Structure formats: structure tokens, C-alpha cells
Protein backbone atom coordinates (compact mmCIF):
# COMPACT_ATOMS: atom_id res chain seq x y z
CA MET A 1 -34.82 -2.22 -21.24
CA ARG A 2 -32.14 0.05 -22.67
CA LEU A 3 -28.76 -1.38 -23.82
CA GLU A 4 -25.50 -0.07 -25.02
CA THR A 5 -22.74 -2.27 -26.37
CA PHE A 6 -19.02 -1.42 -26.47
CA THR A 7 -15.97 -3.42 -27.74
CA VAL A 8 -12.47 -2.94 -26.13
CA VAL A 9 -9.49 -3.97 -28.26
CA VAL A 10 -6.20 -5.32 -26.78
CA GLY A 11 -3.51 -2.83 -27.75
CA SER A 12 -5.88 0.12 -28.14
CA ALA A 13 -7.08 2.90 -25.76
CA SER A 14 -9.09 2.17 -22.74
CA LEU A 15 -12.92 2.43 -22.85
CA ASP A 16 -14.29 5.60 -21.33
CA GLN A 17 -17.62 6.62 -22.86
CA SER A 18 -20.81 8.31 -21.62
CA LEU A 19 -23.89 6.19 -21.51
CA SER A 20 -27.29 7.58 -22.49
CA PHE A 21 -28.90 6.15 -19.36
CA ARG A 22 -28.04 4.94 -15.84
CA ALA A 23 -26.62 1.37 -16.17
CA ASN A 24 -27.37 -1.14 -13.36
CA TYR A 25 -25.57 -4.11 -14.96
CA VAL A 26 -22.91 -4.94 -17.42
CA ALA A 27 -22.47 -8.26 -19.21
CA VAL A 28 -18.85 -8.93 -20.25
CA ASP A 29 -17.54 -11.34 -22.76
CA ASN A 30 -13.79 -11.35 -22.53
CA TYR A 31 -12.66 -13.11 -25.70
CA SER A 32 -9.03 -12.12 -25.07
CA ASN A 33 -6.11 -13.77 -23.22
CA GLN A 34 -5.82 -10.69 -21.08
CA TRP A 35 -7.44 -9.53 -17.78
CA LEU A 36 -10.17 -6.84 -18.15
CA TYR A 37 -10.49 -4.29 -15.39
CA ILE A 38 -13.73 -2.47 -14.68
CA PRO A 39 -12.76 0.47 -12.48
CA ASP A 40 -16.32 1.46 -11.40
CA ILE A 41 -16.62 -1.67 -9.32
CA ASP A 42 -12.93 -2.32 -8.86
CA ARG A 43 -13.24 -5.81 -10.48
CA PHE A 44 -11.06 -7.85 -12.85
CA VAL A 45 -12.63 -10.20 -15.39
CA GLN A 46 -10.45 -13.15 -16.18
CA PRO A 47 -9.28 -13.91 -19.74
CA GLY A 48 -11.82 -16.11 -21.68
CA ARG A 49 -14.71 -15.34 -19.25
CA ILE A 50 -17.95 -15.20 -21.19
CA ASN A 51 -21.32 -13.79 -20.03
CA TYR A 52 -20.02 -12.48 -16.70
CA VAL A 53 -22.88 -10.16 -15.35
CA VAL A 54 -22.11 -7.79 -12.58
CA PRO A 55 -24.11 -4.96 -10.92
CA LEU A 56 -23.03 -1.36 -11.48
CA TYR A 57 -25.36 0.69 -9.12
CA GLY A 58 -26.42 3.30 -11.69
CA THR A 59 -23.24 4.36 -13.47
CA THR A 60 -23.42 6.74 -16.35
CA ARG A 61 -20.07 5.92 -17.98
CA ALA A 62 -18.81 2.79 -19.69
CA ARG A 63 -15.17 2.34 -18.47
CA ALA A 64 -12.86 -0.63 -18.89
CA GLN A 65 -9.16 -1.44 -19.66
CA PHE A 66 -7.03 -4.43 -20.12
CA LEU A 67 -4.89 -4.63 -16.94
CA THR A 68 -3.32 -7.50 -15.09
CA PRO A 69 -4.21 -7.69 -11.36
CA PRO A 70 -1.45 -7.69 -8.79
CA GLY A 71 -0.04 -11.13 -8.28
CA GLN A 72 -0.91 -12.48 -11.67
CA THR A 73 1.33 -13.03 -14.64
CA ALA A 74 0.19 -11.31 -17.87
CA ALA A 75 -0.05 -13.46 -20.88
CA THR A 76 1.73 -12.53 -24.09
CA THR A 77 -0.35 -9.74 -25.72
CA VAL A 78 -2.13 -10.66 -28.82
CA THR A 79 -3.07 -7.33 -30.51
CA GLY A 80 -6.54 -7.15 -31.84
CA GLN A 81 -8.26 -9.51 -29.39
CA THR A 82 -11.40 -8.05 -27.86
CA ALA A 83 -13.78 -7.85 -24.95
CA ARG A 84 -17.54 -6.92 -25.41
CA LEU A 85 -19.33 -5.06 -22.69
CA VAL A 86 -23.20 -4.73 -22.87
CA TYR A 87 -24.60 -2.16 -20.34
CA SER A 88 -28.21 -2.47 -19.23
CA ASP A 89 -30.55 -0.42 -17.08
CA SER A 90 -32.42 -3.44 -15.84
């Protein structure tokens, strides 16, 4: 099993990195008080959600950004909070 781990920081640039393999899953730990958007699957991960595992269907890029979904109210931004994403091929 191959894994690559990335950290996204509130107040910093979005995550957009190449993976060294085709990822079939990502496990997300959103430690922040902000929504995290994963564009490859058009899914929002709620603030505080830990060990949220979703299928990716063989993506070769790690992409995510803090973004509030339509109809939701954004919490006050706390710069420096993080989300961790672990991409896996199995």
C-alpha cells in the first residue's frame, strides 16, 4: 500500500500537488473550524470531522481548499488551523 500525506493550513494556499501513484482513497482529518472542499469528488468535509474516508477513483493529484458550501455560514477564520489528507492506492 502506498501513502502520501499532506497538510492544508487555514489562511494559506490551496493544496494542489502531484501524487506519485494513482490514489483510490483519501482519509481526511479536518482539525479546523472551516469546511474543507475536495474538488476531485465535489465534496465538502465539515469542520472537526476526523477519519473521513472517501473514494477517489484513481486520481493523480492531491487537491483541497478551505471553502464554505453554499447555504452554510462560515465560522470566524482561525489562521493556522489545519486539515490532514492521507492519499492511498488501496
